[in-house]
Amino acid sequence: QVQLVESGGGLVQPGGSLRLSCAASGRIVTIYSMGWYRQAPGNQRELVARIMSGGTTNYADSVKGRFTISRDDAKNTVFLQMNSLKPEDTAVYYCHTHAATYSGRTNYWGQGTQVTVSS
């Protein structure tokens, strides 16, 4: 079993910045990817950014050039630096990992952290 603990959400004005963190713990054998998804009211959950074990990153078109995903492998932690935030970035942000434990390989989700962009 893998636990994901998120932090860093909150209220910020348009144009501001926030940094999300997500730490994975448990009986982890291999982390294949870590990333962030978001879900706004009435919308489906969507990929924001993902970083693969080899370092490859993927971003949603709507956040390219504004958000940066990074990781600390020693601490099994992923970060999302969000700059130039817009009201449409308002959502619950969920940390995700695709990882293997001694029980097998599957997807894990964090509990979510609210990001609100408003003046």
PDB file of N, CA and C in Angstrom:
ATOM      1  N   GLN A   1       0.845  -1.189   0.000  1.00  0.00           N
ATOM      2  CA  GLN A   1       0.000   0.000   0.000  1.00  0.00           C
ATOM      3  C   GLN A   1       0.886   1.247   0.000  1.00  0.00           C
ATOM      4  N   VAL A   2       0.455   2.265  -0.731  1.00  0.00           N
ATOM      5  CA  VAL A   2       1.186   3.522  -0.841  1.00  0.00           C
ATOM      6  C   VAL A   2       0.284   4.649  -0.366  1.00  0.00           C
ATOM      7  N   GLN A   3       0.824   5.515   0.459  1.00  0.00           N
ATOM      8  CA  GLN A   3       0.088   6.686   0.918  1.00  0.00           C
ATOM      9  C   GLN A   3       0.696   7.933   0.277  1.00  0.00           C
ATOM     10  N   LEU A   4      -0.172   8.845  -0.134  1.00  0.00           N
ATOM     11  CA  LEU A   4       0.248  10.114  -0.724  1.00  0.00           C
ATOM     12  C   LEU A   4      -0.287  11.248   0.152  1.00  0.00           C
ATOM     13  N   VAL A   5       0.604  12.109   0.587  1.00  0.00           N
ATOM     14  CA  VAL A   5       0.221  13.237   1.433  1.00  0.00           C
ATOM     15  C   VAL A   5       0.569  14.528   0.700  1.00  0.00           C
ATOM     16  N   GLU A   6      -0.464  15.322   0.431  1.00  0.00           N
ATOM     17  CA  GLU A   6      -0.313  16.563  -0.329  1.00  0.00           C
ATOM     18  C   GLU A   6      -0.288  17.760   0.607  1.00  0.00           C
ATOM     19  N   SER A   7       0.348  18.819   0.151  1.00  0.00           N
ATOM     20  CA  SER A   7       0.330  20.088   0.882  1.00  0.00           C
ATOM     21  C   SER A   7       0.573  21.225  -0.098  1.00  0.00           C
ATOM     22  N   GLY A   8       0.216  22.440   0.326  1.00  0.00           N
ATOM     23  CA  GLY A   8       0.549  23.620  -0.453  1.00  0.00           C
ATOM     24  C   GLY A   8      -0.605  24.321  -1.138  1.00  0.00           C
ATOM     25  N   GLY A   9      -1.796  23.778  -1.069  1.00  0.00           N
ATOM     26  CA  GLY A   9      -2.920  24.466  -1.687  1.00  0.00           C
ATOM     27  C   GLY A   9      -3.321  25.706  -0.907  1.00  0.00           C
ATOM     28  N   GLY A  10      -4.271  26.450  -1.462  1.00  0.00           N
ATOM     29  CA  GLY A  10      -4.745  27.639  -0.771  1.00  0.00           C
ATOM     30  C   GLY A  10      -5.382  28.630  -1.710  1.00  0.00           C
ATOM     31  N   LEU A  11      -5.553  29.849  -1.201  1.00  0.00           N
ATOM     32  CA  LEU A  11      -6.163  30.941  -1.959  1.00  0.00           C
ATOM     33  C   LEU A  11      -5.069  31.884  -2.438  1.00  0.00           C
ATOM     34  N   VAL A  12      -5.118  32.239  -3.707  1.00  0.00           N
ATOM     35  CA  VAL A  12      -4.117  33.150  -4.267  1.00  0.00           C
ATOM     36  C   VAL A  12      -4.796  34.056  -5.284  1.00  0.00           C
ATOM     37  N   GLN A  13      -4.268  35.244  -5.437  1.00  0.00           N
ATOM     38  CA  GLN A  13      -4.822  36.178  -6.410  1.00  0.00           C
ATOM     39  C   GLN A  13      -4.360  35.820  -7.820  1.00  0.00           C
ATOM     40  N   PRO A  14      -5.126  36.210  -8.818  1.00  0.00           N
ATOM     41  CA  PRO A  14      -4.680  35.985 -10.199  1.00  0.00           C
ATOM     42  C   PRO A  14      -3.291  36.568 -10.437  1.00  0.00           C
ATOM     43  N   GLY A  15      -2.471  35.792 -11.145  1.00  0.00           N
ATOM     44  CA  GLY A  15      -1.096  36.203 -11.367  1.00  0.00           C
ATOM     45  C   GLY A  15      -0.130  35.734 -10.301  1.00  0.00           C
ATOM     46  N   GLY A  16      -0.651  35.197  -9.230  1.00  0.00           N
ATOM     47  CA  GLY A  16       0.190  34.735  -8.133  1.00  0.00           C
ATOM     48  C   GLY A  16       0.734  33.341  -8.356  1.00  0.00           C
ATOM     49  N   SER A  17       1.436  32.841  -7.328  1.00  0.00           N
ATOM     50  CA  SER A  17       2.087  31.539  -7.414  1.00  0.00           C
ATOM     51  C   SER A  17       1.756  30.685  -6.200  1.00  0.00           C
ATOM     52  N   LEU A  18       1.773  29.389  -6.414  1.00  0.00           N
ATOM     53  CA  LEU A  18       1.657  28.404  -5.352  1.00  0.00           C
ATOM     54  C   LEU A  18       2.567  27.236  -5.690  1.00  0.00           C
ATOM     55  N   ARG A  19       3.003  26.526  -4.643  1.00  0.00           N
ATOM     56  CA  ARG A  19       3.804  25.325  -4.843  1.00  0.00           C
ATOM     57  C   ARG A  19       3.153  24.172  -4.096  1.00  0.00           C
ATOM     58  N   LEU A  20       2.790  23.142  -4.837  1.00  0.00           N
ATOM     59  CA  LEU A  20       2.217  21.943  -4.242  1.00  0.00           C
ATOM     60  C   LEU A  20       3.302  20.899  -4.027  1.00  0.00           C
ATOM     61  N   SER A  21       3.161  20.146  -2.952  1.00  0.00           N
ATOM     62  CA  SER A  21       4.079  19.050  -2.663  1.00  0.00           C
ATOM     63  C   SER A  21       3.281  17.790  -2.402  1.00  0.00           C
ATOM     64  N   CYS A  22       3.870  16.656  -2.733  1.00  0.00           N
ATOM     65  CA  CYS A  22       3.218  15.372  -2.488  1.00  0.00           C
ATOM     66  C   CYS A  22       4.304  14.352  -2.154  1.00  0.00           C
ATOM     67  N   ALA A  23       4.191  13.778  -0.972  1.00  0.00           N
ATOM     68  CA  ALA A  23       5.157  12.780  -0.526  1.00  0.00           C
ATOM     69  C   ALA A  23       4.515  11.404  -0.511  1.00  0.00           C
ATOM     70  N   ALA A  24       5.191  10.451  -1.125  1.00  0.00           N
ATOM     71  CA  ALA A  24       4.719   9.068  -1.157  1.00  0.00           C
ATOM     72  C   ALA A  24       5.446   8.258  -0.101  1.00  0.00           C
ATOM     73  N   SER A  25       4.692   7.419   0.596  1.00  0.00           N
ATOM     74  CA  SER A  25       5.296   6.554   1.603  1.00  0.00           C
ATOM     75  C   SER A  25       4.621   5.192   1.572  1.00  0.00           C
ATOM     76  N   GLY A  26       5.247   4.239   2.207  1.00  0.00           N
ATOM     77  CA  GLY A  26       4.716   2.884   2.239  1.00  0.00           C
ATOM     78  C   GLY A  26       5.754   1.901   1.746  1.00  0.00           C
ATOM     79  N   ARG A  27       5.298   0.711   1.436  1.00  0.00           N
ATOM     80  CA  ARG A  27       6.209  -0.366   1.038  1.00  0.00           C
ATOM     81  C   ARG A  27       6.430  -0.310  -0.474  1.00  0.00           C
ATOM     82  N   ILE A  28       7.077   0.776  -0.881  1.00  0.00           N
ATOM     83  CA  ILE A  28       7.275   1.059  -2.291  1.00  0.00           C
ATOM     84  C   ILE A  28       8.489   0.304  -2.813  1.00  0.00           C
ATOM     85  N   VAL A  29       8.283  -0.351  -3.936  1.00  0.00           N
ATOM     86  CA  VAL A  29       9.398  -1.010  -4.619  1.00  0.00           C
ATOM     87  C   VAL A  29       9.897  -0.122  -5.750  1.00  0.00           C
ATOM     88  N   THR A  30       8.972   0.334  -6.571  1.00  0.00           N
ATOM     89  CA  THR A  30       9.323   1.181  -7.712  1.00  0.00           C
ATOM     90  C   THR A  30       8.227   2.202  -7.944  1.00  0.00           C
ATOM     91  N   ILE A  31       8.622   3.438  -8.196  1.00  0.00           N
ATOM     92  CA  ILE A  31       7.688   4.475  -8.640  1.00  0.00           C
ATOM     93  C   ILE A  31       7.898   4.674 -10.126  1.00  0.00           C
ATOM     94  N   TYR A  32       6.870   4.447 -10.907  1.00  0.00           N
ATOM     95  CA  TYR A  32       6.967   4.587 -12.358  1.00  0.00           C
ATOM     96  C   TYR A  32       6.663   6.013 -12.801  1.00  0.00           C
ATOM     97  N   SER A  33       5.747   6.654 -12.118  1.00  0.00           N
ATOM     98  CA  SER A  33       5.425   8.039 -12.435  1.00  0.00           C
ATOM     99  C   SER A  33       4.770   8.682 -11.229  1.00  0.00           C
ATOM    100  N   MET A  34       4.889   9.990 -11.167  1.00  0.00           N
ATOM    101  CA  MET A  34       4.158  10.795 -10.186  1.00  0.00           C
ATOM    102  C   MET A  34       3.625  12.012 -10.914  1.00  0.00           C
ATOM    103  N   GLY A  35       2.494  12.485 -10.471  1.00  0.00           N
ATOM    104  CA  GLY A  35       1.933  13.633 -11.164  1.00  0.00           C
ATOM    105  C   GLY A  35       0.769  14.249 -10.437  1.00  0.00           C
ATOM    106  N   TRP A  36       0.178  15.224 -11.094  1.00  0.00           N
ATOM    107  CA  TRP A  36      -0.945  15.974 -10.542  1.00  0.00           C
ATOM    108  C   TRP A  36      -2.094  16.004 -11.533  1.00  0.00           C
ATOM    109  N   TYR A  37      -3.276  15.758 -11.011  1.00  0.00           N
ATOM    110  CA  TYR A  37      -4.516  15.911 -11.740  1.00  0.00           C
ATOM    111  C   TYR A  37      -5.337  16.975 -11.014  1.00  0.00           C
ATOM    112  N   ARG A  38      -6.337  17.507 -11.695  1.00  0.00           N
ATOM    113  CA  ARG A  38      -7.227  18.460 -11.041  1.00  0.00           C
ATOM    114  C   ARG A  38      -8.661  18.240 -11.502  1.00  0.00           C
ATOM    115  N   GLN A  39      -9.574  18.653 -10.636  1.00  0.00           N
ATOM    116  CA  GLN A  39     -10.996  18.525 -10.942  1.00  0.00           C
ATOM    117  C   GLN A  39     -11.724  19.744 -10.420  1.00  0.00           C
ATOM    118  N   ALA A  40     -12.332  20.479 -11.339  1.00  0.00           N
ATOM    119  CA  ALA A  40     -13.157  21.617 -10.994  1.00  0.00           C
ATOM    120  C   ALA A  40     -14.609  21.166 -10.925  1.00  0.00           C
ATOM    121  N   PRO A  41     -15.442  21.888 -10.190  1.00  0.00           N
ATOM    122  CA  PRO A  41     -16.853  21.496 -10.083  1.00  0.00           C
ATOM    123  C   PRO A  41     -17.499  21.355 -11.457  1.00  0.00           C
ATOM    124  N   GLY A  42     -18.165  20.221 -11.665  1.00  0.00           N
ATOM    125  CA  GLY A  42     -18.859  19.982 -12.920  1.00  0.00           C
ATOM    126  C   GLY A  42     -17.988  19.472 -14.041  1.00  0.00           C
ATOM    127  N   ASN A  43     -16.683  19.360 -13.759  1.00  0.00           N
ATOM    128  CA  ASN A  43     -15.745  18.895 -14.793  1.00  0.00           C
ATOM    129  C   ASN A  43     -15.173  17.529 -14.434  1.00  0.00           C
ATOM    130  N   GLN A  44     -14.631  16.874 -15.449  1.00  0.00           N
ATOM    131  CA  GLN A  44     -13.942  15.611 -15.203  1.00  0.00           C
ATOM    132  C   GLN A  44     -12.539  15.891 -14.683  1.00  0.00           C
ATOM    133  N   ARG A  45     -11.989  14.898 -13.998  1.00  0.00           N
ATOM    134  CA  ARG A  45     -10.612  15.019 -13.541  1.00  0.00           C
ATOM    135  C   ARG A  45      -9.693  14.997 -14.764  1.00  0.00           C
ATOM    136  N   GLU A  46      -8.714  15.914 -14.766  1.00  0.00           N
ATOM    137  CA  GLU A  46      -7.827  16.022 -15.905  1.00  0.00           C
ATOM    138  C   GLU A  46      -6.369  16.040 -15.465  1.00  0.00           C
ATOM    139  N   LEU A  47      -5.509  15.546 -16.337  1.00  0.00           N
ATOM    140  CA  LEU A  47      -4.075  15.581 -16.067  1.00  0.00           C
ATOM    141  C   LEU A  47      -3.570  17.015 -16.135  1.00  0.00           C
ATOM    142  N   VAL A  48      -2.787  17.395 -15.133  1.00  0.00           N
ATOM    143  CA  VAL A  48      -2.127  18.700 -15.138  1.00  0.00           C
ATOM    144  C   VAL A  48      -0.674  18.530 -15.574  1.00  0.00           C
ATOM    145  N   ALA A  49       0.045  17.667 -14.872  1.00  0.00           N
ATOM    146  CA  ALA A  49       1.453  17.433 -15.179  1.00  0.00           C
ATOM    147  C   ALA A  49       1.862  16.092 -14.597  1.00  0.00           C
ATOM    148  N   ARG A  50       2.838  15.456 -15.260  1.00  0.00           N
ATOM    149  CA  ARG A  50       3.300  14.143 -14.833  1.00  0.00           C
ATOM    150  C   ARG A  50       4.791  14.048 -15.109  1.00  0.00           C
ATOM    151  N   ILE A  51       5.501  13.359 -14.235  1.00  0.00           N
ATOM    152  CA  ILE A  51       6.922  13.115 -14.445  1.00  0.00           C
ATOM    153  C   ILE A  51       7.163  11.620 -14.317  1.00  0.00           C
ATOM    154  N   MET A  52       7.816  11.062 -15.332  1.00  0.00           N
ATOM    155  CA  MET A  52       8.067   9.636 -15.374  1.00  0.00           C
ATOM    156  C   MET A  52       9.362   9.305 -14.645  1.00  0.00           C
ATOM    157  N   SER A  53       9.591   8.032 -14.399  1.00  0.00           N
ATOM    158  CA  SER A  53      10.776   7.621 -13.657  1.00  0.00           C
ATOM    159  C   SER A  53      12.057   8.027 -14.368  1.00  0.00           C
ATOM    160  N   GLY A  54      12.025   8.098 -15.676  1.00  0.00           N
ATOM    161  CA  GLY A  54      13.215   8.481 -16.422  1.00  0.00           C
ATOM    162  C   GLY A  54      13.400   9.985 -16.549  1.00  0.00           C
ATOM    163  N   GLY A  55      12.431  10.732 -16.040  1.00  0.00           N
ATOM    164  CA  GLY A  55      12.540  12.184 -16.053  1.00  0.00           C
ATOM    165  C   GLY A  55      11.679  12.879 -17.094  1.00  0.00           C
ATOM    166  N   THR A  56      11.077  12.113 -17.997  1.00  0.00           N
ATOM    167  CA  THR A  56      10.195  12.715 -18.996  1.00  0.00           C
ATOM    168  C   THR A  56       8.999  13.369 -18.316  1.00  0.00           C
ATOM    169  N   THR A  57       8.638  14.547 -18.810  1.00  0.00           N
ATOM    170  CA  THR A  57       7.495  15.264 -18.246  1.00  0.00           C
ATOM    171  C   THR A  57       6.413  15.473 -19.304  1.00  0.00           C
ATOM    172  N   ASN A  58       5.188  15.530 -18.840  1.00  0.00           N
ATOM    173  CA  ASN A  58       4.038  15.847 -19.687  1.00  0.00           C
ATOM    174  C   ASN A  58       3.227  16.929 -18.995  1.00  0.00           C
ATOM    175  N   TYR A  59       2.710  17.867 -19.779  1.00  0.00           N
ATOM    176  CA  TYR A  59       1.895  18.945 -19.243  1.00  0.00           C
ATOM    177  C   TYR A  59       0.616  19.098 -20.066  1.00  0.00           C
ATOM    178  N   ALA A  60      -0.443  19.490 -19.399  1.00  0.00           N
ATOM    179  CA  ALA A  60      -1.639  19.908 -20.116  1.00  0.00           C
ATOM    180  C   ALA A  60      -1.314  21.182 -20.888  1.00  0.00           C
ATOM    181  N   ASP A  61      -1.902  21.331 -22.053  1.00  0.00           N
ATOM    182  CA  ASP A  61      -1.630  22.525 -22.866  1.00  0.00           C
ATOM    183  C   ASP A  61      -1.954  23.806 -22.102  1.00  0.00           C
ATOM    184  N   SER A  62      -2.963  23.748 -21.269  1.00  0.00           N
ATOM    185  CA  SER A  62      -3.425  24.944 -20.565  1.00  0.00           C
ATOM    186  C   SER A  62      -2.440  25.441 -19.511  1.00  0.00           C
ATOM    187  N   VAL A  63      -1.468  24.617 -19.119  1.00  0.00           N
ATOM    188  CA  VAL A  63      -0.531  25.023 -18.070  1.00  0.00           C
ATOM    189  C   VAL A  63       0.904  25.130 -18.565  1.00  0.00           C
ATOM    190  N   LYS A  64       1.156  24.761 -19.812  1.00  0.00           N
ATOM    191  CA  LYS A  64       2.518  24.819 -20.348  1.00  0.00           C
ATOM    192  C   LYS A  64       3.056  26.244 -20.265  1.00  0.00           C
ATOM    193  N   GLY A  65       4.292  26.336 -19.784  1.00  0.00           N
ATOM    194  CA  GLY A  65       4.922  27.641 -19.637  1.00  0.00           C
ATOM    195  C   GLY A  65       4.612  28.337 -18.330  1.00  0.00           C
ATOM    196  N   ARG A  66       3.649  27.819 -17.580  1.00  0.00           N
ATOM    197  CA  ARG A  66       3.292  28.425 -16.287  1.00  0.00           C
ATOM    198  C   ARG A  66       3.576  27.488 -15.116  1.00  0.00           C
ATOM    199  N   PHE A  67       3.384  26.198 -15.324  1.00  0.00           N
ATOM    200  CA  PHE A  67       3.585  25.201 -14.268  1.00  0.00           C
ATOM    201  C   PHE A  67       4.840  24.390 -14.550  1.00  0.00           C
ATOM    202  N   THR A  68       5.511  23.996 -13.476  1.00  0.00           N
ATOM    203  CA  THR A  68       6.691  23.153 -13.597  1.00  0.00           C
ATOM    204  C   THR A  68       6.605  22.021 -12.583  1.00  0.00           C
ATOM    205  N   ILE A  69       6.767  20.794 -13.056  1.00  0.00           N
ATOM    206  CA  ILE A  69       6.772  19.638 -12.171  1.00  0.00           C
ATOM    207  C   ILE A  69       8.209  19.188 -11.954  1.00  0.00           C
ATOM    208  N   SER A  70       8.505  18.795 -10.720  1.00  0.00           N
ATOM    209  CA  SER A  70       9.838  18.308 -10.396  1.00  0.00           C
ATOM    210  C   SER A  70       9.705  17.258  -9.302  1.00  0.00           C
ATOM    211  N   ARG A  71      10.822  16.608  -8.989  1.00  0.00           N
ATOM    212  CA  ARG A  71      10.735  15.546  -7.990  1.00  0.00           C
ATOM    213  C   ARG A  71      12.031  15.446  -7.203  1.00  0.00           C
ATOM    214  N   ASP A  72      11.907  14.871  -6.026  1.00  0.00           N
ATOM    215  CA  ASP A  72      13.042  14.520  -5.184  1.00  0.00           C
ATOM    216  C   ASP A  72      12.955  13.007  -4.997  1.00  0.00           C
ATOM    217  N   ASP A  73      13.758  12.272  -5.747  1.00  0.00           N
ATOM    218  CA  ASP A  73      13.668  10.812  -5.717  1.00  0.00           C
ATOM    219  C   ASP A  73      14.034  10.245  -4.353  1.00  0.00           C
ATOM    220  N   ALA A  74      14.955  10.881  -3.678  1.00  0.00           N
ATOM    221  CA  ALA A  74      15.393  10.372  -2.374  1.00  0.00           C
ATOM    222  C   ALA A  74      14.263  10.407  -1.353  1.00  0.00           C
ATOM    223  N   LYS A  75      13.334  11.341  -1.550  1.00  0.00           N
ATOM    224  CA  LYS A  75      12.225  11.495  -0.603  1.00  0.00           C
ATOM    225  C   LYS A  75      10.891  11.059  -1.202  1.00  0.00           C
ATOM    226  N   ASN A  76      10.923  10.486  -2.406  1.00  0.00           N
ATOM    227  CA  ASN A  76       9.673  10.072  -3.085  1.00  0.00           C
ATOM    228  C   ASN A  76       8.654  11.202  -3.074  1.00  0.00           C
ATOM    229  N   THR A  77       9.113  12.376  -3.415  1.00  0.00           N
ATOM    230  CA  THR A  77       8.275  13.567  -3.355  1.00  0.00           C
ATOM    231  C   THR A  77       8.236  14.243  -4.718  1.00  0.00           C
ATOM    232  N   VAL A  78       7.049  14.718  -5.076  1.00  0.00           N
ATOM    233  CA  VAL A  78       6.878  15.461  -6.315  1.00  0.00           C
ATOM    234  C   VAL A  78       6.352  16.842  -5.980  1.00  0.00           C
ATOM    235  N   PHE A  79       6.786  17.815  -6.778  1.00  0.00           N
ATOM    236  CA  PHE A  79       6.398  19.209  -6.568  1.00  0.00           C
ATOM    237  C   PHE A  79       5.725  19.744  -7.831  1.00  0.00           C
ATOM    238  N   LEU A  80       4.831  20.686  -7.630  1.00  0.00           N
ATOM    239  CA  LEU A  80       4.235  21.395  -8.757  1.00  0.00           C
ATOM    240  C   LEU A  80       4.328  22.884  -8.461  1.00  0.00           C
ATOM    241  N   GLN A  81       5.208  23.562  -9.175  1.00  0.00           N
ATOM    242  CA  GLN A  81       5.328  25.016  -9.054  1.00  0.00           C
ATOM    243  C   GLN A  81       4.352  25.642 -10.033  1.00  0.00           C
ATOM    244  N   MET A  82       3.423  26.413  -9.518  1.00  0.00           N
ATOM    245  CA  MET A  82       2.384  27.027 -10.342  1.00  0.00           C
ATOM    246  C   MET A  82       2.556  28.536 -10.317  1.00  0.00           C
ATOM    247  N   ASN A  83       2.864  29.104 -11.456  1.00  0.00           N
ATOM    248  CA  ASN A  83       3.047  30.546 -11.601  1.00  0.00           C
ATOM    249  C   ASN A  83       1.977  31.126 -12.516  1.00  0.00           C
ATOM    250  N   SER A  84       1.837  32.423 -12.469  1.00  0.00           N
ATOM    251  CA  SER A  84       0.865  33.123 -13.327  1.00  0.00           C
ATOM    252  C   SER A  84      -0.506  32.460 -13.257  1.00  0.00           C
ATOM    253  N   LEU A  85      -0.950  32.209 -12.059  1.00  0.00           N
ATOM    254  CA  LEU A  85      -2.204  31.492 -11.876  1.00  0.00           C
ATOM    255  C   LEU A  85      -3.393  32.298 -12.378  1.00  0.00           C
ATOM    256  N   LYS A  86      -4.350  31.575 -12.924  1.00  0.00           N
ATOM    257  CA  LYS A  86      -5.566  32.164 -13.486  1.00  0.00           C
ATOM    258  C   LYS A  86      -6.788  31.622 -12.735  1.00  0.00           C
ATOM    259  N   PRO A  87      -7.890  32.347 -12.754  1.00  0.00           N
ATOM    260  CA  PRO A  87      -9.104  31.835 -12.095  1.00  0.00           C
ATOM    261  C   PRO A  87      -9.509  30.449 -12.594  1.00  0.00           C
ATOM    262  N   GLU A  88      -9.242  30.169 -13.855  1.00  0.00           N
ATOM    263  CA  GLU A  88      -9.615  28.854 -14.397  1.00  0.00           C
ATOM    264  C   GLU A  88      -8.733  27.722 -13.889  1.00  0.00           C
ATOM    265  N   ASP A  89      -7.681  28.052 -13.146  1.00  0.00           N
ATOM    266  CA  ASP A  89      -6.878  27.014 -12.501  1.00  0.00           C
ATOM    267  C   ASP A  89      -7.509  26.549 -11.184  1.00  0.00           C
ATOM    268  N   THR A  90      -8.557  27.208 -10.767  1.00  0.00           N
ATOM    269  CA  THR A  90      -9.238  26.828  -9.528  1.00  0.00           C
ATOM    270  C   THR A  90      -9.796  25.418  -9.641  1.00  0.00           C
ATOM    271  N   ALA A  91      -9.418  24.575  -8.684  1.00  0.00           N
ATOM    272  CA  ALA A  91      -9.837  23.170  -8.707  1.00  0.00           C
ATOM    273  C   ALA A  91      -9.283  22.480  -7.464  1.00  0.00           C
ATOM    274  N   VAL A  92      -9.729  21.257  -7.267  1.00  0.00           N
ATOM    275  CA  VAL A  92      -9.066  20.379  -6.307  1.00  0.00           C
ATOM    276  C   VAL A  92      -7.963  19.644  -7.066  1.00  0.00           C
ATOM    277  N   TYR A  93      -6.759  19.732  -6.543  1.00  0.00           N
ATOM    278  CA  TYR A  93      -5.607  19.108  -7.172  1.00  0.00           C
ATOM    279  C   TYR A  93      -5.285  17.797  -6.447  1.00  0.00           C
ATOM    280  N   TYR A  94      -5.161  16.740  -7.230  1.00  0.00           N
ATOM    281  CA  TYR A  94      -4.909  15.407  -6.673  1.00  0.00           C
ATOM    282  C   TYR A  94      -3.539  14.925  -7.107  1.00  0.00           C
ATOM    283  N   CYS A  95      -2.789  14.439  -6.146  1.00  0.00           N
ATOM    284  CA  CYS A  95      -1.518  13.783  -6.447  1.00  0.00           C
ATOM    285  C   CYS A  95      -1.800  12.351  -6.884  1.00  0.00           C
ATOM    286  N   HIS A  96      -1.017  11.888  -7.824  1.00  0.00           N
ATOM    287  CA  HIS A  96      -1.174  10.530  -8.351  1.00  0.00           C
ATOM    288  C   HIS A  96       0.192   9.880  -8.507  1.00  0.00           C
ATOM    289  N   THR A  97       0.251   8.585  -8.258  1.00  0.00           N
ATOM    290  CA  THR A  97       1.436   7.826  -8.586  1.00  0.00           C
ATOM    291  C   THR A  97       1.048   6.466  -9.135  1.00  0.00           C
ATOM    292  N   HIS A  98       1.853   5.995 -10.063  1.00  0.00           N
ATOM    293  CA  HIS A  98       1.755   4.618 -10.552  1.00  0.00           C
ATOM    294  C   HIS A  98       2.982   3.922 -10.005  1.00  0.00           C
ATOM    295  N   ALA A  99       2.763   3.008  -9.077  1.00  0.00           N
ATOM    296  CA  ALA A  99       3.886   2.450  -8.333  1.00  0.00           C
ATOM    297  C   ALA A  99       3.687   0.968  -8.081  1.00  0.00           C
ATOM    298  N   ALA A 100       4.797   0.320  -7.761  1.00  0.00           N
ATOM    299  CA  ALA A 100       4.782  -1.094  -7.432  1.00  0.00           C
ATOM    300  C   ALA A 100       5.170  -1.289  -5.978  1.00  0.00           C
ATOM    301  N   THR A 101       4.409  -2.145  -5.307  1.00  0.00           N
ATOM    302  CA  THR A 101       4.783  -2.635  -3.983  1.00  0.00           C
ATOM    303  C   THR A 101       5.016  -4.133  -4.116  1.00  0.00           C
ATOM    304  N   TYR A 102       5.247  -4.816  -3.026  1.00  0.00           N
ATOM    305  CA  TYR A 102       5.436  -6.258  -3.095  1.00  0.00           C
ATOM    306  C   TYR A 102       4.128  -6.975  -3.423  1.00  0.00           C
ATOM    307  N   SER A 103       3.010  -6.227  -3.363  1.00  0.00           N
ATOM    308  CA  SER A 103       1.702  -6.809  -3.693  1.00  0.00           C
ATOM    309  C   SER A 103       1.341  -6.648  -5.148  1.00  0.00           C
ATOM    310  N   GLY A 104       2.059  -5.786  -5.859  1.00  0.00           N
ATOM    311  CA  GLY A 104       1.736  -5.567  -7.255  1.00  0.00           C
ATOM    312  C   GLY A 104       1.882  -4.119  -7.651  1.00  0.00           C
ATOM    313  N   ARG A 105       1.425  -3.820  -8.842  1.00  0.00           N
ATOM    314  CA  ARG A 105       1.607  -2.504  -9.455  1.00  0.00           C
ATOM    315  C   ARG A 105       0.242  -1.901  -9.724  1.00  0.00           C
ATOM    316  N   THR A 106       0.012  -0.662  -9.265  1.00  0.00           N
ATOM    317  CA  THR A 106      -1.283  -0.044  -9.469  1.00  0.00           C
ATOM    318  C   THR A 106      -1.185   1.461  -9.289  1.00  0.00           C
ATOM    319  N   ASN A 107      -2.337   2.117  -9.378  1.00  0.00           N
ATOM    320  CA  ASN A 107      -2.421   3.573  -9.229  1.00  0.00           C
ATOM    321  C   ASN A 107      -2.842   3.938  -7.816  1.00  0.00           C
ATOM    322  N   TYR A 108      -2.297   5.042  -7.327  1.00  0.00           N
ATOM    323  CA  TYR A 108      -2.647   5.563  -6.016  1.00  0.00           C
ATOM    324  C   TYR A 108      -2.956   7.042  -6.129  1.00  0.00           C
ATOM    325  N   TRP A 109      -3.863   7.500  -5.263  1.00  0.00           N
ATOM    326  CA  TRP A 109      -4.297   8.898  -5.283  1.00  0.00           C
ATOM    327  C   TRP A 109      -4.193   9.510  -3.892  1.00  0.00           C
ATOM    328  N   GLY A 110      -3.874  10.811  -3.883  1.00  0.00           N
ATOM    329  CA  GLY A 110      -3.935  11.557  -2.647  1.00  0.00           C
ATOM    330  C   GLY A 110      -5.358  12.007  -2.358  1.00  0.00           C
ATOM    331  N   GLN A 111      -5.529  12.678  -1.226  1.00  0.00           N
ATOM    332  CA  GLN A 111      -6.859  13.085  -0.792  1.00  0.00           C
ATOM    333  C   GLN A 111      -7.312  14.365  -1.479  1.00  0.00           C
ATOM    334  N   GLY A 112      -6.412  15.076  -2.100  1.00  0.00           N
ATOM    335  CA  GLY A 112      -6.754  16.310  -2.809  1.00  0.00           C
ATOM    336  C   GLY A 112      -6.487  17.543  -1.976  1.00  0.00           C
ATOM    337  N   THR A 113      -6.079  18.608  -2.648  1.00  0.00           N
ATOM    338  CA  THR A 113      -5.859  19.896  -1.990  1.00  0.00           C
ATOM    339  C   THR A 113      -6.490  20.985  -2.847  1.00  0.00           C
ATOM    340  N   GLN A 114      -7.220  21.879  -2.197  1.00  0.00           N
ATOM    341  CA  GLN A 114      -7.954  22.913  -2.916  1.00  0.00           C
ATOM    342  C   GLN A 114      -7.021  24.051  -3.316  1.00  0.00           C
ATOM    343  N   VAL A 115      -7.118  24.448  -4.577  1.00  0.00           N
ATOM    344  CA  VAL A 115      -6.442  25.637  -5.085  1.00  0.00           C
ATOM    345  C   VAL A 115      -7.521  26.585  -5.597  1.00  0.00           C
ATOM    346  N   THR A 116      -7.552  27.781  -5.036  1.00  0.00           N
ATOM    347  CA  THR A 116      -8.533  28.780  -5.440  1.00  0.00           C
ATOM    348  C   THR A 116      -7.801  30.030  -5.897  1.00  0.00           C
ATOM    349  N   VAL A 117      -8.090  30.454  -7.130  1.00  0.00           N
ATOM    350  CA  VAL A 117      -7.473  31.654  -7.694  1.00  0.00           C
ATOM    351  C   VAL A 117      -8.572  32.696  -7.851  1.00  0.00           C
ATOM    352  N   SER A 118      -8.495  33.718  -7.018  1.00  0.00           N
ATOM    353  CA  SER A 118      -9.562  34.715  -7.003  1.00  0.00           C
ATOM    354  C   SER A 118      -9.050  36.012  -6.397  1.00  0.00           C
ATOM    355  N   SER A 119      -9.609  37.112  -6.879  1.00  0.00           N
ATOM    356  CA  SER A 119      -9.269  38.413  -6.304  1.00  0.00           C
ATOM    357  C   SER A 119     -10.274  38.804  -5.228  1.00  0.00           C
TER     358      SER A 119
END
